[in-house]
Amino acid sequence: MKSWYIHGLNIIVLVAMSVFGLFALFGNAMSAVSSPSINFAVYTSFLLWGIFYGIQLLKKNNIWRITWFLVSLTVLWYWLFGGGASFWNMIFG
């Protein structure tokens, strides 16, 4: 597997995450009671994506790159779909 596959997959994840994040931020802004936990979850998801992408770039073996890509998908999915907001509510709620 060539390294440009990993770059392409990560860019696709970034674009999908950006679209979902924009919808979440728009919905949060338009609701009667906006929550800072949603903003926290969306903004930190980009930070997490960058950290995982950096880890993937540091790995030389494609098996490790794919493994870290799958780990990043799992963590980002959990974080965006409630984990980040739950973490915010646990710390500051």
Protein backbone atom coordinates (compact mmCIF):
# COMPACT_ATOMS: atom_id res chain seq x y z
CA MET A 1 0.00 0.00 0.00
CA LYS A 2 1.50 3.27 -1.06
CA SER A 3 1.79 6.18 1.33
CA TRP A 4 -0.48 8.37 -0.78
CA TYR A 5 -3.36 6.04 0.08
CA ILE A 6 -2.88 6.92 3.74
CA HIS A 7 -2.74 10.63 2.91
CA GLY A 8 -5.86 10.37 0.76
CA LEU A 9 -7.80 8.45 3.41
CA ASN A 10 -6.83 10.99 6.05
CA ILE A 11 -7.92 13.88 3.83
CA ILE A 12 -11.28 12.17 3.25
CA VAL A 13 -11.69 11.77 7.02
CA LEU A 14 -10.76 15.44 7.52
CA VAL A 15 -13.32 16.61 4.95
CA ALA A 16 -16.07 14.41 6.42
CA MET A 17 -15.18 15.56 9.92
CA SER A 18 -15.26 19.20 8.77
CA VAL A 19 -18.70 18.82 7.22
CA PHE A 20 -20.09 17.09 10.29
CA GLY A 21 -18.44 19.67 12.55
CA LEU A 22 -19.92 22.57 10.60
CA PHE A 23 -23.39 21.04 10.87
CA ALA A 24 -22.90 20.48 14.60
CA LEU A 25 -21.68 24.05 15.15
CA PHE A 26 -24.54 25.45 13.06
CA GLY A 27 -27.10 23.39 14.95
CA ASN A 28 -25.58 24.42 18.27
CA ALA A 29 -25.64 28.10 17.28
CA MET A 30 -29.26 27.93 16.09
CA SER A 31 -30.60 26.12 19.15
CA ALA A 32 -32.27 27.99 21.97
CA VAL A 33 -29.76 26.71 24.50
CA SER A 34 -26.29 26.38 23.00
CA SER A 35 -23.80 24.17 24.76
CA PRO A 36 -20.05 24.82 25.00
CA SER A 37 -19.47 21.07 25.16
CA ILE A 38 -20.39 20.71 21.48
CA ASN A 39 -17.94 23.44 20.50
CA PHE A 40 -15.25 21.75 22.59
CA ALA A 41 -15.89 18.37 20.98
CA VAL A 42 -15.76 19.75 17.43
CA TYR A 43 -12.65 21.89 17.92
CA THR A 44 -10.65 19.24 19.77
CA SER A 45 -11.53 16.66 17.14
CA PHE A 46 -9.33 18.57 14.70
CA LEU A 47 -6.52 18.56 17.24
CA LEU A 48 -6.93 14.79 17.70
CA TRP A 49 -6.96 14.28 13.93
CA GLY A 50 -3.69 16.20 13.62
CA ILE A 51 -2.06 14.17 16.39
CA PHE A 52 -3.10 10.87 14.84
CA TYR A 53 -2.03 12.02 11.37
CA GLY A 54 1.37 12.97 12.76
CA ILE A 55 1.71 9.55 14.38
CA GLN A 56 0.87 7.90 11.06
CA LEU A 57 3.51 9.96 9.27
CA LEU A 58 6.17 8.93 11.77
CA LYS A 59 5.55 5.22 11.18
CA LYS A 60 7.53 3.63 8.35
CA ASN A 61 5.66 0.33 8.10
CA ASN A 62 2.30 0.39 6.32
CA ILE A 63 0.78 -2.08 8.77
CA TRP A 64 1.38 0.39 11.61
CA ARG A 65 0.01 3.23 9.51
CA ILE A 66 -3.17 1.31 8.80
CA THR A 67 -3.46 0.31 12.45
CA TRP A 68 -3.12 3.92 13.61
CA PHE A 69 -5.58 5.01 10.92
CA LEU A 70 -8.16 2.55 12.28
CA VAL A 71 -7.44 3.68 15.84
CA SER A 72 -7.92 7.29 14.77
CA LEU A 73 -11.23 6.47 13.07
CA THR A 74 -12.48 4.76 16.23
CA VAL A 75 -11.37 7.53 18.57
CA LEU A 76 -12.67 10.32 16.34
CA TRP A 77 -16.01 8.57 15.84
CA TYR A 78 -16.44 8.17 19.60
CA TRP A 79 -15.26 11.73 20.29
CA LEU A 80 -17.54 13.41 17.74
CA PHE A 81 -20.63 11.36 18.51
CA GLY A 82 -20.84 12.15 22.20
CA GLY A 83 -17.54 11.31 23.87
CA GLY A 84 -16.14 14.83 23.66
CA ALA A 85 -19.28 16.46 24.99
CA SER A 86 -19.51 13.86 27.77
CA PHE A 87 -15.88 14.54 28.70
CA TRP A 88 -16.61 18.29 28.85
CA ASN A 89 -19.70 17.70 31.02
CA MET A 90 -17.76 15.38 33.31
CA ILE A 91 -14.99 17.95 33.87
CA PHE A 92 -16.96 21.20 33.86
CA GLY A 93 -20.54 20.07 34.41
